[in-house]
Amino acid sequence: MVNASQLNHFGPNDENATDAYLGRCDLPSLWRNIGQASSASEAVRGLMDSRGHRENILRPVFNRVGLAYRLDRVSAYGPAMYCQVFTD
């Protein structure tokens, strides 16, 4: 997403990124949160203030989570982009 200057749930060719991930991984389902912020605490605050993102974080069926961030000082989206991936 960063390399394509995009911050959304779709790939550069408008494909659904979740479907692309599921096609490559042996997972029953997958949910993602993405965002940008100037600090980790700002990112958490923003995700928890968003109803849909907060529901993903607190959904009790998830038993695995992956977290990633990328620092990119020249990004149009801010200095850090964050991604959370959840599965059951």
Protein backbone atom coordinates (compact mmCIF):
# COMPACT_ATOMS: atom_id res chain seq x y z
CA MET A 1 0.00 0.00 0.00
CA VAL A 2 2.75 2.44 0.89
CA ASN A 3 4.69 1.77 -2.29
CA ALA A 4 1.54 2.36 -4.35
CA SER A 5 0.75 5.58 -2.40
CA GLN A 6 -2.53 4.06 -1.24
CA LEU A 7 -4.04 3.66 2.19
CA ASN A 8 -7.17 1.59 1.69
CA HIS A 9 -8.45 -1.97 1.81
CA PHE A 10 -7.96 -2.54 -1.91
CA GLY A 11 -4.82 -3.21 -3.92
CA PRO A 12 -3.44 -1.02 -6.70
CA ASN A 13 -5.68 -2.76 -9.27
CA ASP A 14 -8.79 -2.41 -7.06
CA GLU A 15 -8.62 -6.06 -5.99
CA ASN A 16 -9.85 -6.81 -2.49
CA ALA A 17 -6.65 -7.19 -0.45
CA THR A 18 -8.33 -9.50 2.07
CA ASP A 19 -9.25 -11.95 -0.72
CA ALA A 20 -5.66 -11.78 -1.99
CA TYR A 21 -4.30 -12.58 1.49
CA LEU A 22 -6.73 -15.46 1.99
CA GLY A 23 -5.70 -16.89 -1.37
CA ARG A 24 -2.10 -17.12 -0.16
CA CYS A 25 -2.67 -18.18 3.45
CA ASP A 26 -4.38 -21.14 5.05
CA LEU A 27 -6.75 -19.04 7.18
CA PRO A 28 -10.51 -19.46 7.66
CA SER A 29 -11.11 -15.70 7.67
CA LEU A 30 -9.26 -12.42 7.98
CA TRP A 31 -10.03 -8.90 9.19
CA ARG A 32 -7.73 -5.89 8.94
CA ASN A 33 -7.36 -2.43 10.41
CA ILE A 34 -5.15 0.06 8.60
CA GLY A 35 -4.29 3.62 9.47
CA GLN A 36 -1.70 6.35 9.68
CA ALA A 37 -0.54 8.40 12.59
CA SER A 38 2.42 10.35 13.88
CA SER A 39 2.88 8.02 16.90
CA ALA A 40 1.81 4.60 18.16
CA SER A 41 -0.37 6.15 20.87
CA GLU A 42 -2.12 8.33 18.26
CA ALA A 43 -2.71 5.23 16.10
CA VAL A 44 -4.24 3.27 19.00
CA ARG A 45 -6.40 6.24 19.99
CA GLY A 46 -7.62 6.63 16.41
CA LEU A 47 -8.42 2.93 16.03
CA MET A 48 -10.25 2.78 19.35
CA ASP A 49 -12.24 5.93 18.50
CA SER A 50 -13.46 4.30 15.28
CA ARG A 51 -16.45 2.00 15.83
CA GLY A 52 -15.51 -0.52 13.11
CA HIS A 53 -11.83 -0.65 14.02
CA ARG A 54 -12.63 -0.98 17.73
CA GLU A 55 -15.05 -3.85 16.97
CA ASN A 56 -12.27 -5.71 15.14
CA ILE A 57 -9.85 -5.21 18.04
CA LEU A 58 -12.37 -6.39 20.66
CA ARG A 59 -14.05 -9.20 18.65
CA PRO A 60 -13.84 -12.24 20.97
CA VAL A 61 -13.54 -14.85 18.19
CA PHE A 62 -10.06 -13.72 17.19
CA ASN A 63 -7.26 -15.80 18.62
CA ARG A 64 -4.42 -14.55 16.40
CA VAL A 65 -3.27 -11.05 15.54
CA GLY A 66 -0.43 -9.66 13.45
CA LEU A 67 0.82 -6.10 13.79
CA ALA A 68 3.03 -4.11 11.45
CA TYR A 69 4.06 -0.56 10.81
CA ARG A 70 6.15 1.27 8.28
CA LEU A 71 7.95 4.51 8.86
CA ASP A 72 7.91 6.63 5.71
CA ARG A 73 8.74 10.28 6.18
CA VAL A 74 7.81 11.15 2.59
CA SER A 75 4.40 9.44 2.57
CA ALA A 76 1.34 11.56 1.88
CA TYR A 77 -0.35 9.68 4.76
CA GLY A 78 1.97 10.72 7.56
CA PRO A 79 5.19 9.41 9.01
CA ALA A 80 3.89 5.97 10.02
CA MET A 81 1.37 3.58 8.52
CA TYR A 82 -0.07 0.80 10.67
CA CYS A 83 -1.76 -2.51 9.91
CA GLN A 84 -3.47 -5.00 12.22
CA VAL A 85 -4.53 -8.41 10.89
CA PHE A 86 -6.94 -10.59 12.87
CA THR A 87 -8.03 -14.19 12.34
CA ASP A 88 -9.88 -16.87 14.25
